[in-house]
Protein backbone atom coordinates (compact mmCIF):
# COMPACT_ATOMS: atom_id res chain seq x y z
CA MET A 1 155.59 90.91 -3.77
CA THR A 2 155.86 87.37 -2.46
CA GLU A 3 158.56 84.85 -3.21
CA PRO A 4 157.69 82.31 -5.89
CA ASP A 5 156.29 79.02 -4.53
CA HIS A 6 158.77 76.24 -5.38
CA ARG A 7 156.57 73.45 -4.11
CA PRO A 8 155.12 70.93 -6.55
CA PRO A 9 151.60 71.68 -7.84
CA PRO A 10 148.59 70.33 -5.93
CA VAL A 11 147.55 66.74 -6.70
CA ASP A 12 144.30 64.83 -6.39
CA ALA A 13 143.67 63.65 -2.83
CA ASP A 14 143.75 59.92 -3.58
CA VAL A 15 144.73 57.26 -1.03
CA ASP A 16 148.47 57.38 -1.80
CA ALA A 17 148.66 61.18 -1.79
CA LEU A 18 146.71 61.39 1.48
CA ARG A 19 148.92 58.72 3.11
CA THR A 20 152.03 60.65 2.03
CA LEU A 21 150.65 63.92 3.38
CA LEU A 22 149.62 62.39 6.72
CA ARG A 23 153.18 61.13 7.27
CA HIS A 24 154.09 64.79 7.88
CA GLN A 25 151.82 64.93 10.93
CA ALA A 26 153.50 63.90 14.18
CA SER A 27 151.18 61.72 16.26
CA THR A 28 151.22 60.42 19.81
CA VAL A 29 151.66 56.65 19.95
CA VAL A 30 149.23 54.70 22.13
CA VAL A 31 148.42 51.08 22.70
CA VAL A 32 144.75 50.29 23.18
CA THR A 33 143.85 47.08 25.04
CA ALA A 34 140.49 45.41 25.59
CA PRO A 35 139.45 42.49 27.78
CA GLY A 36 138.41 39.29 26.09
CA ALA A 37 139.21 35.63 25.68
CA PRO A 38 141.90 36.29 24.68
CA ALA A 39 142.54 39.95 25.48
CA VAL A 40 143.49 42.13 22.52
CA GLY A 41 145.66 45.16 21.99
CA PHE A 42 146.95 47.27 19.11
CA THR A 43 149.14 50.28 18.44
CA ALA A 44 147.37 53.44 17.27
CA THR A 45 148.30 56.99 16.33
CA SER A 46 144.71 58.21 16.06
CA PHE A 47 144.05 58.93 19.75
CA THR A 48 142.60 62.35 20.54
CA SER A 49 140.52 64.27 23.04
CA VAL A 50 137.02 64.96 21.75
CA SER A 51 135.31 66.74 24.67
CA LEU A 52 136.02 67.81 28.24
CA ALA A 53 132.37 68.20 29.27
CA PRO A 54 131.58 65.35 29.26
CA PRO A 55 135.09 63.89 29.01
CA ILE A 56 135.28 61.89 25.76
CA VAL A 57 138.32 60.56 23.89
CA SER A 58 138.52 58.71 20.59
CA PHE A 59 140.69 56.39 18.54
CA CYS A 60 140.23 54.67 15.19
CA LEU A 61 140.56 51.00 14.30
CA ASN A 62 140.44 49.26 10.93
CA LEU A 63 137.36 47.04 10.65
CA GLY A 64 139.57 44.27 9.24
CA ALA A 65 141.99 44.32 12.19
CA SER A 66 142.19 41.18 14.31
CA SER A 67 141.40 43.31 17.40
CA TRP A 68 138.19 44.75 15.96
CA PRO A 69 135.75 41.93 16.87
CA THR A 70 136.73 42.19 20.56
CA VAL A 71 136.76 46.00 20.59
CA ALA A 72 133.39 45.99 18.79
CA ARG A 73 131.75 44.28 21.78
CA SER A 74 133.91 45.51 24.70
CA ARG A 75 132.31 47.78 27.26
CA HIS A 76 135.73 49.04 28.38
CA VAL A 77 139.14 49.69 26.81
CA VAL A 78 142.41 51.01 28.18
CA VAL A 79 144.37 53.62 26.24
CA HIS A 80 148.09 53.64 27.14
CA LEU A 81 150.23 56.65 26.20
CA LEU A 82 153.68 55.28 25.48
CA ALA A 83 156.95 56.79 26.65
CA HIS A 84 159.75 57.51 24.19
CA HIS A 85 161.73 54.46 25.36
CA GLN A 86 158.79 52.10 24.57
CA GLN A 87 159.35 51.82 20.82
CA GLU A 88 159.68 48.03 21.04
CA LEU A 89 156.35 47.78 22.88
CA ALA A 90 154.74 49.86 20.10
CA ARG A 91 156.23 47.51 17.50
CA THR A 92 154.98 44.46 19.40
CA PHE A 93 151.40 45.70 19.46
CA ALA A 94 151.64 46.72 15.78
CA THR A 95 152.71 43.19 14.73
CA SER A 96 150.04 40.79 13.48
CA GLY A 97 149.97 37.08 14.24
CA ILE A 98 151.84 37.10 17.56
CA ASP A 99 150.83 36.92 21.22
CA ARG A 100 151.27 40.60 22.05
CA PHE A 101 150.83 39.92 25.78
CA ALA A 102 153.60 37.28 25.98
CA ALA A 103 156.98 38.11 27.55
CA PRO A 104 158.68 40.51 27.43
CA THR A 105 155.38 42.50 27.58
CA ARG A 106 154.64 43.30 31.22
CA TRP A 107 151.00 43.79 32.14
CA ARG A 108 148.32 43.03 34.72
CA THR A 109 144.57 42.65 34.77
CA GLY A 110 142.97 45.90 35.89
CA PRO A 111 139.46 47.10 36.65
CA GLU A 112 136.72 45.67 34.42
CA GLY A 113 139.15 42.85 33.50
CA ALA A 114 141.02 45.20 31.17
CA PRO A 115 144.74 44.57 30.48
CA ILE A 116 146.94 47.38 31.81
CA LEU A 117 150.49 47.63 30.47
CA ASP A 118 153.25 48.41 32.96
CA ASP A 119 155.40 51.55 32.98
CA THR A 120 153.57 53.62 30.36
CA LEU A 121 153.49 57.42 30.60
CA ALA A 122 149.78 57.23 31.31
CA TRP A 123 146.73 55.02 30.97
CA LEU A 124 143.02 55.73 30.81
CA LEU A 125 140.39 53.10 31.59
CA CYS A 126 137.50 54.15 29.37
CA ARG A 127 133.88 53.10 28.99
CA VAL A 128 132.98 52.83 25.31
CA VAL A 129 130.03 55.12 24.58
CA GLU A 130 129.77 54.81 20.80
CA ARG A 131 131.32 53.22 17.73
CA VAL A 132 130.90 55.02 14.41
CA THR A 133 131.74 53.22 11.17
CA VAL A 134 133.35 55.49 8.58
CA GLY A 135 134.76 53.85 5.47
CA ASP A 136 137.03 50.95 6.42
CA HIS A 137 137.48 52.12 10.03
CA ALA A 138 135.48 52.58 13.19
CA ILE A 139 135.83 55.66 15.36
CA VAL A 140 135.54 54.53 18.97
CA LEU A 141 134.30 57.19 21.38
CA ALA A 142 134.96 56.47 25.05
CA GLU A 143 134.56 58.15 28.42
CA PRO A 144 137.59 57.98 30.76
CA GLU A 145 136.66 56.52 34.16
CA LEU A 146 140.11 56.03 35.74
CA ILE A 147 143.40 57.72 34.85
CA GLN A 148 146.97 57.16 35.99
CA HIS A 149 149.97 59.13 34.76
CA ALA A 150 153.66 59.56 35.47
CA ASP A 151 155.04 62.97 36.40
CA VAL A 152 158.15 62.51 34.25
CA GLY A 153 158.95 61.19 30.82
CA SER A 154 158.67 62.08 27.19
CA PRO A 155 155.98 60.74 24.84
CA LEU A 156 156.62 58.41 21.94
CA LEU A 157 155.69 60.08 18.66
CA TYR A 158 155.29 58.73 15.13
CA HIS A 159 156.43 60.93 12.25
CA ARG A 160 157.35 60.21 8.63
CA GLY A 161 157.08 56.46 9.11
CA ARG A 162 159.28 56.16 12.18
CA TYR A 163 159.22 56.63 15.93
CA ALA A 164 160.47 59.93 17.30
CA GLY A 165 160.58 61.98 20.49
CA LEU A 166 160.65 65.59 21.57
CA ALA A 167 163.95 67.46 21.44
CA GLY A 168 165.64 69.06 24.44
CA GLY A 169 165.38 68.73 28.22
CA PRO A 170 166.55 65.81 30.38
CA ASP A 171 163.35 63.81 29.74
CA GLY A 172 163.22 64.74 26.06
CA ALA A 173 160.69 67.57 26.47
CA THR A 174 161.32 71.07 25.27
CA ARG A 175 160.91 73.43 28.22
CA ARG A 176 159.89 77.07 28.31
CA PRO A 177 162.38 79.47 29.86
CA ALA A 178 161.44 80.62 33.35
CA ALA A 179 159.60 83.94 33.36
């Protein structure tokens, strides 16, 4: 016999219920930048690996976002995986109506004219291969062409409406015991 289920009954999967449920999923925080006049960038939690052969990654962007027109025509983007200590950078690139590349943001122009943020855990210069419109968002599929990553550090995560990190270890990462 199983224990009685004390959870509330299922509800219709409307926008509010889905948003509430998705807050329970921890997501990696990235900043995506694209070259343009001016360059654009935004914070996203929708980054994922799609395929290894060929290598393809994806992220989603609201079609009404100020960055969308530039991303819609960019041949290249840079996906930056943020470190746990970069919460303020994530907030900057999530804020509308400001110059996200102004100080204190540190960045440089990289290959293909793409903005590369300094001191992130990793970055991937990607060639956009397809944009798929689904509802009010576009799924951007891109092929990594250049990658740089740090050998230390803990990723910035987003969970239940706030930034978080991994527990344990000197760099915030939980480690397996030695075998």
